[in-house]
Amino acid sequence: MKKGILILAGIFAMTFVSCKDDATKKVKEENVEIAAERDANNAEFPVMAFAETEHDFGTINEGDVVEHKFSFTNTGKAPLVIVSAKGSCGCTVPEWPKEPIAPGASAEMLVKFNSNGKPNLQNKQVTITANTEAGKEILKIKAMVTPKAKPASGTPTSK
């Protein structure tokens, strides 16, 4: 009973002290105009146009470190800024340009794959965070990794 009264008192107190002002009256007209102008100017985004978004390394041996350069062009109308690029696991490491890429300019992203401890078919991806309209771009790599030969156990040793 006491809990019910306490809860009702809490609800009553919150409704009594909650804001009753109309928030639209607090908005300054000049700020609305500035925001509209800013948003109109930001309608143009950079575009990462890749020559290819997937690469197959084919068959490699476990322990091999392979790499591939993904070429791309900024076909948009604003400078392209790559904020980060992350591999789907620690075995996939991307390297990307840190400076803005001007509209019409080209660049490359190097993706290294370390197959140590990764036998059989491997499908990995790199997620790129950039100032494109989508905000994220995806590159994919794959490889068939031939496992290392395991030493035979239980073989007799000669004396």
N, C-alpha and C. Protein backbone atom coordinates (compact mmCIF):
# COMPACT_ATOMS: atom_id res chain seq x y z
N MET A 1 0.82 -1.19 0.00
CA MET A 1 0.00 0.00 0.00
C MET A 1 0.86 1.26 0.00
N LYS A 2 1.90 1.24 0.85
CA LYS A 2 2.79 2.40 0.93
C LYS A 2 3.53 2.59 -0.40
N LYS A 3 3.93 1.48 -1.02
CA LYS A 3 4.63 1.57 -2.31
C LYS A 3 3.73 2.20 -3.36
N GLY A 4 2.46 1.81 -3.38
CA GLY A 4 1.51 2.36 -4.35
C GLY A 4 1.33 3.85 -4.17
N ILE A 5 1.21 4.29 -2.93
CA ILE A 5 1.06 5.73 -2.65
C ILE A 5 2.33 6.47 -3.05
N LEU A 6 3.49 5.87 -2.74
CA LEU A 6 4.76 6.49 -3.08
C LEU A 6 4.92 6.62 -4.60
N ILE A 7 4.54 5.59 -5.33
CA ILE A 7 4.63 5.63 -6.80
C ILE A 7 3.69 6.69 -7.36
N LEU A 8 2.46 6.75 -6.86
CA LEU A 8 1.51 7.77 -7.33
C LEU A 8 2.02 9.18 -7.01
N ALA A 9 2.61 9.35 -5.84
CA ALA A 9 3.16 10.66 -5.47
C ALA A 9 4.31 11.03 -6.41
N GLY A 10 5.14 10.05 -6.78
CA GLY A 10 6.25 10.30 -7.71
C GLY A 10 5.75 10.70 -9.08
N ILE A 11 4.75 10.01 -9.56
CA ILE A 11 4.17 10.34 -10.87
C ILE A 11 3.55 11.73 -10.84
N PHE A 12 2.82 12.04 -9.78
CA PHE A 12 2.21 13.36 -9.64
C PHE A 12 3.27 14.45 -9.61
N ALA A 13 4.36 14.23 -8.87
CA ALA A 13 5.43 15.22 -8.78
C ALA A 13 6.08 15.44 -10.14
N MET A 14 6.29 14.37 -10.90
CA MET A 14 6.92 14.51 -12.21
C MET A 14 6.03 15.27 -13.18
N THR A 15 4.75 15.00 -13.15
CA THR A 15 3.86 15.72 -14.07
C THR A 15 3.69 17.18 -13.65
N PHE A 16 3.80 17.44 -12.37
CA PHE A 16 3.65 18.81 -11.87
C PHE A 16 4.84 19.69 -12.24
N VAL A 17 6.05 19.11 -12.18
CA VAL A 17 7.26 19.91 -12.43
C VAL A 17 7.77 19.78 -13.86
N SER A 18 7.16 18.95 -14.68
CA SER A 18 7.64 18.79 -16.05
C SER A 18 7.41 20.06 -16.85
N CYS A 19 8.20 20.20 -17.90
CA CYS A 19 8.19 21.41 -18.72
C CYS A 19 6.85 21.59 -19.41
N LYS A 20 6.29 22.77 -19.24
CA LYS A 20 5.01 23.06 -19.88
C LYS A 20 5.16 24.10 -20.99
N ASP A 21 6.40 24.56 -21.19
CA ASP A 21 6.64 25.56 -22.23
C ASP A 21 6.60 24.90 -23.60
N ASP A 22 6.15 25.63 -24.56
CA ASP A 22 6.13 25.15 -25.94
C ASP A 22 7.54 25.31 -26.51
N ALA A 23 8.18 24.20 -26.85
CA ALA A 23 9.57 24.22 -27.31
C ALA A 23 9.73 24.98 -28.62
N THR A 24 8.71 25.03 -29.46
CA THR A 24 8.82 25.73 -30.73
C THR A 24 8.98 27.23 -30.54
N LYS A 25 8.55 27.76 -29.41
CA LYS A 25 8.70 29.19 -29.14
C LYS A 25 10.14 29.55 -28.79
N LYS A 26 10.95 28.56 -28.42
CA LYS A 26 12.33 28.81 -28.02
C LYS A 26 13.29 28.80 -29.21
N VAL A 27 12.85 28.33 -30.37
CA VAL A 27 13.70 28.24 -31.55
C VAL A 27 13.80 29.60 -32.21
N LYS A 28 15.06 30.03 -32.43
CA LYS A 28 15.29 31.33 -33.08
C LYS A 28 15.22 31.14 -34.59
N GLU A 29 14.51 32.03 -35.25
CA GLU A 29 14.31 31.95 -36.69
C GLU A 29 15.64 32.03 -37.44
N GLU A 30 16.57 32.83 -36.96
CA GLU A 30 17.86 32.97 -37.64
C GLU A 30 18.64 31.66 -37.60
N ASN A 31 18.51 30.89 -36.53
CA ASN A 31 19.19 29.59 -36.46
C ASN A 31 18.59 28.59 -37.43
N VAL A 32 17.29 28.68 -37.66
CA VAL A 32 16.63 27.80 -38.63
C VAL A 32 17.14 28.10 -40.03
N GLU A 33 17.31 29.38 -40.36
CA GLU A 33 17.82 29.75 -41.68
C GLU A 33 19.26 29.30 -41.87
N ILE A 34 20.08 29.45 -40.85
CA ILE A 34 21.49 29.02 -40.93
C ILE A 34 21.56 27.51 -41.12
N ALA A 35 20.75 26.76 -40.39
CA ALA A 35 20.75 25.30 -40.50
C ALA A 35 20.27 24.86 -41.89
N ALA A 36 19.27 25.52 -42.43
CA ALA A 36 18.76 25.17 -43.76
C ALA A 36 19.82 25.41 -44.82
N GLU A 37 20.55 26.50 -44.71
CA GLU A 37 21.61 26.81 -45.67
C GLU A 37 22.74 25.79 -45.55
N ARG A 38 23.11 25.45 -44.33
CA ARG A 38 24.17 24.47 -44.10
C ARG A 38 23.77 23.11 -44.69
N ASP A 39 22.54 22.69 -44.45
CA ASP A 39 22.08 21.39 -44.97
C ASP A 39 22.01 21.38 -46.49
N ALA A 40 21.66 22.50 -47.09
CA ALA A 40 21.61 22.58 -48.56
C ALA A 40 23.00 22.42 -49.14
N ASN A 41 24.01 22.98 -48.47
CA ASN A 41 25.39 22.87 -48.95
C ASN A 41 25.96 21.48 -48.73
N ASN A 42 25.43 20.75 -47.78
CA ASN A 42 25.95 19.42 -47.48
C ASN A 42 25.26 18.32 -48.28
N ALA A 43 24.48 18.66 -49.26
CA ALA A 43 23.78 17.67 -50.05
C ALA A 43 24.72 16.92 -50.99
N GLU A 44 25.92 17.43 -51.18
CA GLU A 44 26.88 16.79 -52.07
C GLU A 44 27.86 15.97 -51.25
N PHE A 45 27.96 14.70 -51.58
CA PHE A 45 28.82 13.78 -50.85
C PHE A 45 29.92 13.27 -51.76
N PRO A 46 31.04 12.85 -51.17
CA PRO A 46 32.04 12.14 -51.98
C PRO A 46 31.53 10.73 -52.27
N VAL A 47 32.05 10.12 -53.32
CA VAL A 47 31.65 8.77 -53.69
C VAL A 47 32.92 7.95 -53.91
N MET A 48 33.02 6.82 -53.20
CA MET A 48 34.16 5.91 -53.39
C MET A 48 33.81 4.92 -54.48
N ALA A 49 34.36 5.11 -55.67
CA ALA A 49 34.12 4.20 -56.79
C ALA A 49 35.33 3.28 -56.91
N PHE A 50 35.16 2.02 -56.52
CA PHE A 50 36.24 1.05 -56.55
C PHE A 50 36.32 0.37 -57.90
N ALA A 51 37.54 0.06 -58.33
CA ALA A 51 37.73 -0.73 -59.54
C ALA A 51 37.20 -2.13 -59.29
N GLU A 52 37.35 -2.63 -58.05
CA GLU A 52 36.81 -3.92 -57.63
C GLU A 52 36.58 -3.85 -56.12
N THR A 53 35.58 -4.55 -55.63
CA THR A 53 35.31 -4.56 -54.19
C THR A 53 35.57 -5.94 -53.59
N GLU A 54 35.94 -6.91 -54.42
CA GLU A 54 36.25 -8.26 -53.95
C GLU A 54 37.52 -8.73 -54.61
N HIS A 55 38.32 -9.51 -53.83
CA HIS A 55 39.54 -10.09 -54.39
C HIS A 55 39.71 -11.51 -53.87
N ASP A 56 40.04 -12.43 -54.77
CA ASP A 56 40.27 -13.83 -54.42
C ASP A 56 41.77 -14.10 -54.55
N PHE A 57 42.42 -14.44 -53.44
CA PHE A 57 43.85 -14.75 -53.47
C PHE A 57 44.12 -16.14 -54.04
N GLY A 58 43.07 -16.91 -54.24
CA GLY A 58 43.24 -18.27 -54.76
C GLY A 58 43.70 -19.19 -53.65
N THR A 59 44.53 -20.18 -53.99
CA THR A 59 45.04 -21.13 -53.01
C THR A 59 46.40 -20.67 -52.52
N ILE A 60 46.50 -20.54 -51.19
CA ILE A 60 47.77 -20.14 -50.57
C ILE A 60 48.08 -21.14 -49.45
N ASN A 61 49.31 -21.11 -48.98
CA ASN A 61 49.71 -22.01 -47.90
C ASN A 61 49.51 -21.33 -46.56
N GLU A 62 49.10 -22.10 -45.56
CA GLU A 62 48.92 -21.55 -44.23
C GLU A 62 50.24 -20.95 -43.75
N GLY A 63 50.17 -19.74 -43.25
CA GLY A 63 51.36 -19.01 -42.81
C GLY A 63 51.77 -17.92 -43.80
N ASP A 64 51.26 -17.99 -45.04
CA ASP A 64 51.58 -16.95 -46.03
C ASP A 64 50.91 -15.63 -45.63
N VAL A 65 51.60 -14.54 -45.89
CA VAL A 65 51.01 -13.21 -45.73
C VAL A 65 50.89 -12.63 -47.14
N VAL A 66 49.64 -12.39 -47.55
CA VAL A 66 49.38 -11.87 -48.89
C VAL A 66 48.73 -10.50 -48.79
N GLU A 67 48.84 -9.73 -49.84
CA GLU A 67 48.25 -8.39 -49.84
C GLU A 67 47.71 -8.04 -51.20
N HIS A 68 46.76 -7.11 -51.19
CA HIS A 68 46.14 -6.65 -52.43
C HIS A 68 45.82 -5.17 -52.30
N LYS A 69 46.03 -4.43 -53.38
CA LYS A 69 45.69 -3.00 -53.40
C LYS A 69 44.35 -2.82 -54.11
N PHE A 70 43.41 -2.21 -53.38
CA PHE A 70 42.12 -1.86 -53.95
C PHE A 70 42.21 -0.40 -54.41
N SER A 71 42.05 -0.17 -55.71
CA SER A 71 42.09 1.19 -56.25
C SER A 71 40.70 1.78 -56.25
N PHE A 72 40.62 3.07 -55.94
CA PHE A 72 39.33 3.75 -55.96
C PHE A 72 39.51 5.19 -56.38
N THR A 73 38.41 5.78 -56.85
CA THR A 73 38.38 7.17 -57.28
C THR A 73 37.24 7.87 -56.57
N ASN A 74 37.47 9.10 -56.16
CA ASN A 74 36.39 9.91 -55.58
C ASN A 74 35.63 10.52 -56.74
N THR A 75 34.49 9.94 -57.09
CA THR A 75 33.67 10.44 -58.20
C THR A 75 32.61 11.42 -57.73
N GLY A 76 32.64 11.77 -56.44
CA GLY A 76 31.68 12.73 -55.90
C GLY A 76 32.13 14.16 -56.12
N LYS A 77 31.43 15.09 -55.47
CA LYS A 77 31.72 16.52 -55.64
C LYS A 77 32.28 17.16 -54.38
N ALA A 78 32.67 16.33 -53.39
CA ALA A 78 33.25 16.84 -52.15
C ALA A 78 34.48 16.00 -51.82
N PRO A 79 35.42 16.56 -51.05
CA PRO A 79 36.60 15.78 -50.67
C PRO A 79 36.22 14.55 -49.84
N LEU A 80 36.89 13.44 -50.12
CA LEU A 80 36.64 12.18 -49.43
C LEU A 80 37.60 12.06 -48.25
N VAL A 81 37.05 11.80 -47.07
CA VAL A 81 37.86 11.60 -45.88
C VAL A 81 37.54 10.22 -45.32
N ILE A 82 38.56 9.36 -45.28
CA ILE A 82 38.40 8.03 -44.69
C ILE A 82 38.74 8.15 -43.22
N VAL A 83 37.76 7.87 -42.37
CA VAL A 83 37.93 7.99 -40.93
C VAL A 83 38.65 6.76 -40.38
N SER A 84 38.22 5.58 -40.82
CA SER A 84 38.85 4.34 -40.36
C SER A 84 38.55 3.22 -41.33
N ALA A 85 39.32 2.16 -41.20
CA ALA A 85 39.09 0.93 -41.95
C ALA A 85 39.48 -0.21 -41.03
N LYS A 86 38.56 -1.17 -40.85
CA LYS A 86 38.80 -2.26 -39.91
C LYS A 86 38.53 -3.59 -40.58
N GLY A 87 39.44 -4.53 -40.34
CA GLY A 87 39.26 -5.89 -40.83
C GLY A 87 38.31 -6.65 -39.93
N SER A 88 37.71 -7.71 -40.48
CA SER A 88 36.75 -8.50 -39.70
C SER A 88 37.44 -9.33 -38.62
N CYS A 89 38.75 -9.47 -38.70
CA CYS A 89 39.51 -10.12 -37.63
C CYS A 89 40.93 -9.56 -37.67
N GLY A 90 41.73 -9.95 -36.68
CA GLY A 90 43.08 -9.43 -36.59
C GLY A 90 44.00 -9.87 -37.71
N CYS A 91 43.61 -10.87 -38.46
CA CYS A 91 44.44 -11.38 -39.56
C CYS A 91 44.32 -10.51 -40.82
N THR A 92 43.34 -9.63 -40.84
CA THR A 92 43.10 -8.77 -42.01
C THR A 92 43.38 -7.33 -41.61
N VAL A 93 44.43 -6.75 -42.20
CA VAL A 93 44.87 -5.41 -41.79
C VAL A 93 44.86 -4.46 -42.99
N PRO A 94 44.02 -3.42 -42.96
CA PRO A 94 44.00 -2.44 -44.05
C PRO A 94 44.91 -1.25 -43.76
N GLU A 95 45.42 -0.65 -44.82
CA GLU A 95 46.17 0.61 -44.74
C GLU A 95 45.50 1.55 -45.73
N TRP A 96 45.14 2.76 -45.28
CA TRP A 96 44.39 3.68 -46.11
C TRP A 96 45.02 5.06 -46.08
N PRO A 97 44.74 5.89 -47.09
CA PRO A 97 45.27 7.26 -47.10
C PRO A 97 44.64 8.09 -45.99
N LYS A 98 45.46 8.82 -45.27
CA LYS A 98 44.98 9.62 -44.14
C LYS A 98 44.56 11.03 -44.56
N GLU A 99 45.03 11.50 -45.70
CA GLU A 99 44.68 12.84 -46.16
C GLU A 99 43.42 12.80 -47.03
N PRO A 100 42.67 13.90 -47.10
CA PRO A 100 41.46 13.94 -47.94
C PRO A 100 41.79 13.68 -49.41
N ILE A 101 40.89 12.98 -50.09
CA ILE A 101 41.03 12.71 -51.52
C ILE A 101 40.08 13.65 -52.26
N ALA A 102 40.64 14.50 -53.09
CA ALA A 102 39.86 15.51 -53.81
C ALA A 102 38.92 14.86 -54.82
N PRO A 103 37.84 15.55 -55.18
CA PRO A 103 36.95 15.03 -56.22
C PRO A 103 37.74 14.77 -57.51
N GLY A 104 37.54 13.59 -58.09
CA GLY A 104 38.25 13.21 -59.31
C GLY A 104 39.59 12.54 -59.07
N ALA A 105 40.11 12.61 -57.86
CA ALA A 105 41.41 12.02 -57.55
C ALA A 105 41.25 10.53 -57.22
N SER A 106 42.35 9.79 -57.40
CA SER A 106 42.35 8.36 -57.12
C SER A 106 43.32 8.05 -56.00
N ALA A 107 43.10 6.93 -55.35
CA ALA A 107 43.97 6.48 -54.27
C ALA A 107 43.87 4.96 -54.17
N GLU A 108 44.63 4.38 -53.24
CA GLU A 108 44.61 2.94 -53.06
C GLU A 108 44.49 2.60 -51.58
N MET A 109 43.88 1.46 -51.32
CA MET A 109 43.80 0.91 -49.98
C MET A 109 44.46 -0.46 -50.03
N LEU A 110 45.49 -0.65 -49.20
CA LEU A 110 46.22 -1.90 -49.15
C LEU A 110 45.59 -2.78 -48.07
N VAL A 111 45.27 -4.03 -48.42
CA VAL A 111 44.70 -4.98 -47.47
C VAL A 111 45.65 -6.17 -47.39
N LYS A 112 46.16 -6.44 -46.16
CA LYS A 112 47.05 -7.57 -45.92
C LYS A 112 46.28 -8.66 -45.18
N PHE A 113 46.53 -9.91 -45.57
CA PHE A 113 45.89 -11.05 -44.93
C PHE A 113 46.98 -12.02 -44.48
N ASN A 114 47.00 -12.32 -43.18
CA ASN A 114 47.95 -13.27 -42.60
C ASN A 114 47.21 -14.59 -42.39
N SER A 115 47.59 -15.61 -43.11
CA SER A 115 46.87 -16.89 -43.08
C SER A 115 47.35 -17.83 -41.97
N ASN A 116 48.27 -17.39 -41.13
CA ASN A 116 48.76 -18.24 -40.05
C ASN A 116 47.63 -18.60 -39.10
N GLY A 117 47.40 -19.90 -38.91
CA GLY A 117 46.32 -20.37 -38.04
C GLY A 117 44.94 -20.26 -38.66
N LYS A 118 44.86 -20.05 -39.96
CA LYS A 118 43.58 -19.89 -40.66
C LYS A 118 43.48 -20.88 -41.82
N PRO A 119 43.39 -22.19 -41.54
CA PRO A 119 43.31 -23.16 -42.64
C PRO A 119 41.94 -23.17 -43.31
N ASN A 120 41.91 -23.71 -44.51
CA ASN A 120 40.69 -23.91 -45.31
C ASN A 120 40.17 -22.60 -45.90
N LEU A 121 38.90 -22.60 -46.32
CA LEU A 121 38.35 -21.43 -46.99
C LEU A 121 38.17 -20.26 -46.02
N GLN A 122 38.69 -19.11 -46.39
CA GLN A 122 38.60 -17.91 -45.56
C GLN A 122 37.91 -16.80 -46.34
N ASN A 123 36.89 -16.21 -45.75
CA ASN A 123 36.19 -15.06 -46.31
C ASN A 123 36.29 -13.95 -45.27
N LYS A 124 36.94 -12.85 -45.62
CA LYS A 124 37.13 -11.75 -44.69
C LYS A 124 36.62 -10.47 -45.36
N GLN A 125 36.37 -9.45 -44.53
CA GLN A 125 35.95 -8.18 -45.09
C GLN A 125 36.59 -7.03 -44.34
N VAL A 126 36.66 -5.89 -45.02
CA VAL A 126 37.16 -4.65 -44.44
C VAL A 126 36.01 -3.65 -44.50
N THR A 127 35.69 -3.08 -43.36
CA THR A 127 34.64 -2.07 -43.28
C THR A 127 35.30 -0.69 -43.23
N ILE A 128 34.97 0.13 -44.20
CA ILE A 128 35.55 1.48 -44.31
C ILE A 128 34.52 2.48 -43.82
N THR A 129 34.93 3.32 -42.89
CA THR A 129 34.07 4.41 -42.41
C THR A 129 34.58 5.69 -43.04
N ALA A 130 33.71 6.36 -43.81
CA ALA A 130 34.11 7.57 -44.53
C ALA A 130 32.93 8.54 -44.59
N ASN A 131 33.18 9.71 -45.12
CA ASN A 131 32.13 10.73 -45.20
C ASN A 131 31.30 10.60 -46.47
N THR A 132 31.08 9.37 -46.92
CA THR A 132 30.21 9.13 -48.06
C THR A 132 28.76 9.18 -47.59
N GLU A 133 27.83 9.16 -48.52
CA GLU A 133 26.42 9.24 -48.14
C GLU A 133 26.01 8.05 -47.28
N ALA A 134 26.49 6.85 -47.63
CA ALA A 134 26.17 5.65 -46.84
C ALA A 134 26.93 5.63 -45.52
N GLY A 135 28.11 6.22 -45.49
CA GLY A 135 28.92 6.25 -44.28
C GLY A 135 29.83 5.05 -44.12
N LYS A 136 29.49 3.93 -44.75
CA LYS A 136 30.31 2.72 -44.67
C LYS A 136 30.39 2.08 -46.03
N GLU A 137 31.58 1.56 -46.33
CA GLU A 137 31.83 0.83 -47.57
C GLU A 137 32.46 -0.50 -47.17
N ILE A 138 32.26 -1.55 -47.98
CA ILE A 138 32.76 -2.88 -47.64
C ILE A 138 33.65 -3.42 -48.78
N LEU A 139 34.81 -3.95 -48.39
CA LEU A 139 35.69 -4.67 -49.31
C LEU A 139 35.76 -6.11 -48.82
N LYS A 140 35.85 -7.07 -49.76
CA LYS A 140 35.88 -8.48 -49.38
C LYS A 140 37.09 -9.16 -49.98
N ILE A 141 37.69 -10.06 -49.21
CA ILE A 141 38.78 -10.90 -49.71
C ILE A 141 38.46 -12.34 -49.35
N LYS A 142 39.03 -13.26 -50.14
CA LYS A 142 38.88 -14.66 -49.80
C LYS A 142 40.11 -15.41 -50.27
N ALA A 143 40.34 -16.56 -49.64
CA ALA A 143 41.48 -17.40 -49.98
C ALA A 143 41.19 -18.82 -49.54
N MET A 144 41.71 -19.77 -50.29
CA MET A 144 41.68 -21.17 -49.87
C MET A 144 43.06 -21.44 -49.29
N VAL A 145 43.12 -21.65 -47.98
CA VAL A 145 44.39 -21.81 -47.28
C VAL A 145 44.67 -23.29 -47.07
N THR A 146 45.76 -23.77 -47.67
CA THR A 146 46.18 -25.16 -47.52
C THR A 146 46.79 -25.32 -46.13
N PRO A 147 46.20 -26.21 -45.31
CA PRO A 147 46.71 -26.36 -43.94
C PRO A 147 48.15 -26.88 -43.91
N LYS A 148 48.86 -26.48 -42.84
CA LYS A 148 50.22 -26.99 -42.64
C LYS A 148 50.14 -28.48 -42.37
N ALA A 149 51.16 -29.20 -42.80
CA ALA A 149 51.21 -30.64 -42.51
C ALA A 149 51.47 -30.82 -41.03
N LYS A 150 50.66 -31.66 -40.39
CA LYS A 150 50.83 -31.92 -38.96
C LYS A 150 51.83 -33.06 -38.78
N PRO A 151 52.70 -32.94 -37.76
CA PRO A 151 53.64 -34.03 -37.54
C PRO A 151 52.90 -35.30 -37.12
N ALA A 152 53.37 -36.41 -37.62
CA ALA A 152 52.73 -37.69 -37.31
C ALA A 152 53.00 -38.01 -35.85
N SER A 153 51.97 -38.42 -35.13
CA SER A 153 52.15 -38.74 -33.72
C SER A 153 52.21 -40.27 -33.55
N GLY A 154 52.91 -40.71 -32.52
CA GLY A 154 52.97 -42.12 -32.22
C GLY A 154 53.94 -42.88 -33.10
N THR A 155 54.82 -42.20 -33.82
CA THR A 155 55.79 -42.91 -34.64
C THR A 155 56.95 -43.33 -33.75
N PRO A 156 57.42 -44.53 -33.94
CA PRO A 156 58.53 -44.99 -33.10
C PRO A 156 59.81 -44.24 -33.45
N THR A 157 60.61 -43.98 -32.44
CA THR A 157 61.89 -43.31 -32.67
C THR A 157 62.98 -44.37 -32.67
N SER A 158 63.93 -44.21 -33.50
CA SER A 158 65.03 -45.19 -33.59
C SER A 158 66.07 -44.89 -32.53
N LYS A 159 66.70 -45.98 -32.01
CA LYS A 159 67.72 -45.82 -30.97
C LYS A 159 69.07 -46.03 -31.49
